[in-house]
């Protein structure tokens, strides 16, 4: 993989994860258990595309960072109940 190809693949990881993150961000309320499971399954499906590649760690770390952000917001909504 060339440097240019790597940069393009990293941009694709960012875009795919960001799009999924935006779709599943808590919509002014806490997520349901089903919404959480859909998010977890889907986001790891994106990261799993990179298993065994030199981008596996990056995809996993980005997945965790975005998941942690959603979890913080979700907990804040739960605290407002």
N, C-alpha and C. Protein backbone atom coordinates (compact mmCIF):
# COMPACT_ATOMS: atom_id res chain seq x y z
N UNK A 1 0.85 -1.17 0.00
CA UNK A 1 0.00 0.00 0.00
C UNK A 1 0.90 1.23 0.00
N UNK A 2 0.61 2.14 -0.90
CA UNK A 2 1.37 3.39 -0.94
C UNK A 2 0.86 4.33 0.15
N UNK A 3 1.62 5.38 0.38
CA UNK A 3 1.20 6.38 1.37
C UNK A 3 -0.13 7.00 0.95
N UNK A 4 -0.25 7.32 -0.33
CA UNK A 4 -1.50 7.91 -0.84
C UNK A 4 -2.68 6.96 -0.62
N UNK A 5 -2.48 5.68 -0.92
CA UNK A 5 -3.55 4.70 -0.73
C UNK A 5 -3.92 4.57 0.75
N UNK A 6 -2.90 4.62 1.61
CA UNK A 6 -3.17 4.54 3.05
C UNK A 6 -4.00 5.73 3.50
N UNK A 7 -3.62 6.93 3.05
CA UNK A 7 -4.37 8.14 3.42
C UNK A 7 -5.81 8.05 2.93
N UNK A 8 -6.00 7.53 1.73
CA UNK A 8 -7.36 7.39 1.20
C UNK A 8 -8.16 6.39 2.03
N UNK A 9 -7.53 5.30 2.45
CA UNK A 9 -8.22 4.29 3.25
C UNK A 9 -8.55 4.83 4.64
N UNK A 10 -7.63 5.60 5.22
CA UNK A 10 -7.89 6.22 6.52
C UNK A 10 -9.08 7.19 6.40
N UNK A 11 -9.12 7.96 5.33
CA UNK A 11 -10.24 8.88 5.12
C UNK A 11 -11.55 8.10 5.01
N UNK A 12 -11.51 6.94 4.37
CA UNK A 12 -12.71 6.11 4.26
C UNK A 12 -13.15 5.60 5.63
N UNK A 13 -12.20 5.17 6.46
CA UNK A 13 -12.53 4.71 7.81
C UNK A 13 -13.20 5.86 8.58
N UNK A 14 -12.59 7.04 8.54
CA UNK A 14 -13.16 8.20 9.23
C UNK A 14 -14.58 8.46 8.75
N UNK A 15 -14.78 8.49 7.44
CA UNK A 15 -16.09 8.81 6.88
C UNK A 15 -17.13 7.77 7.28
N UNK A 16 -16.79 6.49 7.13
CA UNK A 16 -17.74 5.43 7.45
C UNK A 16 -18.13 5.48 8.93
N UNK A 17 -17.13 5.63 9.81
CA UNK A 17 -17.41 5.68 11.24
C UNK A 17 -18.16 6.96 11.61
N UNK A 18 -17.78 8.08 11.01
CA UNK A 18 -18.46 9.34 11.32
C UNK A 18 -19.92 9.29 10.88
N UNK A 19 -20.18 8.79 9.70
CA UNK A 19 -21.56 8.68 9.22
C UNK A 19 -22.40 7.81 10.15
N UNK A 20 -21.84 6.69 10.58
CA UNK A 20 -22.55 5.79 11.47
C UNK A 20 -22.77 6.43 12.84
N UNK A 21 -21.75 7.13 13.32
CA UNK A 21 -21.81 7.86 14.60
C UNK A 21 -22.94 8.89 14.56
N UNK A 22 -23.00 9.67 13.51
CA UNK A 22 -24.03 10.71 13.38
C UNK A 22 -25.43 10.08 13.35
N UNK A 23 -25.57 8.98 12.63
CA UNK A 23 -26.87 8.28 12.54
C UNK A 23 -27.35 7.79 13.90
N UNK A 24 -26.42 7.40 14.76
CA UNK A 24 -26.78 6.76 16.02
C UNK A 24 -26.57 7.62 17.25
N UNK A 25 -26.23 8.88 17.05
CA UNK A 25 -26.01 9.78 18.19
C UNK A 25 -27.32 9.94 18.95
N UNK A 26 -27.27 9.94 20.28
CA UNK A 26 -28.51 10.06 21.06
C UNK A 26 -29.35 11.26 20.62
N UNK A 27 -30.60 10.99 20.22
CA UNK A 27 -31.46 12.03 19.65
C UNK A 27 -32.23 12.83 20.69
N UNK A 28 -31.55 13.46 21.62
CA UNK A 28 -32.23 14.25 22.63
C UNK A 28 -32.82 13.41 23.75
N UNK A 29 -32.38 12.18 23.83
CA UNK A 29 -32.83 11.26 24.88
C UNK A 29 -31.82 10.12 24.95
N UNK A 30 -31.93 9.32 25.99
CA UNK A 30 -31.06 8.15 26.12
C UNK A 30 -31.43 7.12 25.05
N UNK A 31 -30.45 6.35 24.62
CA UNK A 31 -30.69 5.29 23.65
C UNK A 31 -31.38 4.10 24.31
N UNK A 32 -32.19 3.41 23.55
CA UNK A 32 -32.79 2.17 24.04
C UNK A 32 -31.74 1.07 23.96
N UNK A 33 -32.00 -0.04 24.61
CA UNK A 33 -31.07 -1.18 24.53
C UNK A 33 -30.91 -1.64 23.09
N UNK A 34 -31.99 -1.64 22.34
CA UNK A 34 -31.94 -2.05 20.94
C UNK A 34 -31.10 -1.09 20.11
N UNK A 35 -31.25 0.21 20.34
CA UNK A 35 -30.44 1.20 19.62
C UNK A 35 -28.96 1.03 19.95
N UNK A 36 -28.66 0.78 21.22
CA UNK A 36 -27.28 0.54 21.62
C UNK A 36 -26.71 -0.67 20.90
N UNK A 37 -27.47 -1.76 20.87
CA UNK A 37 -26.98 -2.99 20.23
C UNK A 37 -26.77 -2.76 18.74
N UNK A 38 -27.68 -2.05 18.09
CA UNK A 38 -27.52 -1.73 16.67
C UNK A 38 -26.24 -0.93 16.44
N UNK A 39 -26.00 0.04 17.33
CA UNK A 39 -24.79 0.85 17.19
C UNK A 39 -23.53 0.00 17.37
N UNK A 40 -23.49 -0.77 18.43
CA UNK A 40 -22.31 -1.59 18.71
C UNK A 40 -22.05 -2.58 17.58
N UNK A 41 -23.08 -3.28 17.14
CA UNK A 41 -22.92 -4.25 16.06
C UNK A 41 -22.43 -3.59 14.78
N UNK A 42 -23.03 -2.48 14.45
CA UNK A 42 -22.70 -1.80 13.20
C UNK A 42 -21.33 -1.16 13.19
N UNK A 43 -20.97 -0.52 14.29
CA UNK A 43 -19.68 0.17 14.32
C UNK A 43 -18.53 -0.84 14.30
N UNK A 44 -18.71 -1.97 14.99
CA UNK A 44 -17.65 -2.99 14.95
C UNK A 44 -17.61 -3.70 13.61
N UNK A 45 -18.72 -3.75 12.92
CA UNK A 45 -18.73 -4.32 11.57
C UNK A 45 -17.83 -3.48 10.65
N UNK A 46 -17.89 -2.17 10.83
CA UNK A 46 -17.02 -1.28 10.05
C UNK A 46 -15.56 -1.55 10.41
N UNK A 47 -15.26 -1.57 11.70
CA UNK A 47 -13.88 -1.79 12.14
C UNK A 47 -13.37 -3.16 11.72
N UNK A 48 -14.24 -4.16 11.73
CA UNK A 48 -13.82 -5.53 11.39
C UNK A 48 -13.35 -5.66 9.95
N UNK A 49 -13.75 -4.74 9.08
CA UNK A 49 -13.28 -4.77 7.69
C UNK A 49 -11.76 -4.65 7.64
N UNK A 50 -11.16 -4.13 8.70
CA UNK A 50 -9.72 -3.85 8.70
C UNK A 50 -8.92 -4.84 9.53
N UNK A 51 -9.60 -5.89 10.05
CA UNK A 51 -8.88 -6.92 10.81
C UNK A 51 -7.82 -7.55 9.92
N UNK A 52 -6.66 -7.72 10.50
CA UNK A 52 -5.57 -8.35 9.76
C UNK A 52 -4.83 -7.42 8.83
N UNK A 53 -5.21 -6.14 8.84
CA UNK A 53 -4.51 -5.17 8.00
C UNK A 53 -3.68 -4.25 8.90
N UNK A 54 -2.87 -3.41 8.26
CA UNK A 54 -2.08 -2.46 9.05
C UNK A 54 -2.92 -1.28 9.55
N UNK A 55 -4.22 -1.30 9.30
CA UNK A 55 -5.12 -0.25 9.79
C UNK A 55 -6.06 -0.78 10.88
N UNK A 56 -5.86 -2.02 11.29
CA UNK A 56 -6.73 -2.64 12.29
C UNK A 56 -6.76 -1.85 13.60
N UNK A 57 -5.60 -1.48 14.11
CA UNK A 57 -5.55 -0.76 15.39
C UNK A 57 -6.21 0.61 15.28
N UNK A 58 -5.95 1.32 14.19
CA UNK A 58 -6.55 2.64 14.01
C UNK A 58 -8.07 2.53 13.96
N UNK A 59 -8.59 1.60 13.19
CA UNK A 59 -10.05 1.43 13.09
C UNK A 59 -10.65 1.10 14.46
N UNK A 60 -9.99 0.24 15.22
CA UNK A 60 -10.48 -0.12 16.55
C UNK A 60 -10.45 1.05 17.51
N UNK A 61 -9.38 1.83 17.47
CA UNK A 61 -9.27 2.99 18.37
C UNK A 61 -10.30 4.06 18.03
N UNK A 62 -10.52 4.30 16.76
CA UNK A 62 -11.54 5.28 16.37
C UNK A 62 -12.93 4.81 16.78
N UNK A 63 -13.18 3.52 16.62
CA UNK A 63 -14.46 2.96 17.03
C UNK A 63 -14.68 3.18 18.53
N UNK A 64 -13.66 2.91 19.31
CA UNK A 64 -13.77 3.08 20.76
C UNK A 64 -13.96 4.55 21.13
N UNK A 65 -13.23 5.45 20.49
CA UNK A 65 -13.34 6.87 20.81
C UNK A 65 -14.76 7.38 20.54
N UNK A 66 -15.31 7.03 19.41
CA UNK A 66 -16.66 7.48 19.08
C UNK A 66 -17.70 6.81 19.98
N UNK A 67 -17.50 5.55 20.28
CA UNK A 67 -18.42 4.84 21.19
C UNK A 67 -18.39 5.46 22.58
N UNK A 68 -17.22 5.82 23.05
CA UNK A 68 -17.10 6.45 24.36
C UNK A 68 -17.82 7.80 24.38
N UNK A 69 -17.75 8.54 23.30
CA UNK A 69 -18.43 9.83 23.24
C UNK A 69 -19.94 9.63 23.29
N UNK A 70 -20.45 8.69 22.52
CA UNK A 70 -21.89 8.42 22.55
C UNK A 70 -22.30 7.96 23.94
N UNK A 71 -21.48 7.14 24.57
CA UNK A 71 -21.82 6.67 25.91
C UNK A 71 -21.88 7.82 26.91
N UNK A 72 -20.95 8.78 26.83
CA UNK A 72 -20.96 9.94 27.74
C UNK A 72 -22.25 10.75 27.55
N UNK A 73 -22.63 10.97 26.33
CA UNK A 73 -23.86 11.74 26.06
C UNK A 73 -25.09 10.95 26.52
N UNK A 74 -25.09 9.66 26.24
CA UNK A 74 -26.20 8.81 26.66
C UNK A 74 -26.36 8.85 28.18
N UNK A 75 -25.26 8.75 28.90
CA UNK A 75 -25.31 8.81 30.37
C UNK A 75 -25.83 10.16 30.85
N UNK A 76 -25.47 11.22 30.17
CA UNK A 76 -25.97 12.55 30.55
C UNK A 76 -27.49 12.60 30.36
N UNK A 77 -28.01 12.03 29.27
CA UNK A 77 -29.46 12.01 29.08
C UNK A 77 -30.13 11.16 30.13
N UNK A 78 -29.53 10.05 30.49
CA UNK A 78 -30.11 9.19 31.54
C UNK A 78 -30.14 9.93 32.87
N UNK A 79 -29.13 10.75 33.13
CA UNK A 79 -29.08 11.51 34.37
C UNK A 79 -30.13 12.60 34.46
N UNK A 80 -30.69 13.00 33.33
CA UNK A 80 -31.72 14.06 33.32
C UNK A 80 -33.11 13.53 33.56
N UNK A 81 -33.25 12.20 33.64
CA UNK A 81 -34.59 11.61 33.86
C UNK A 81 -35.12 11.98 35.21
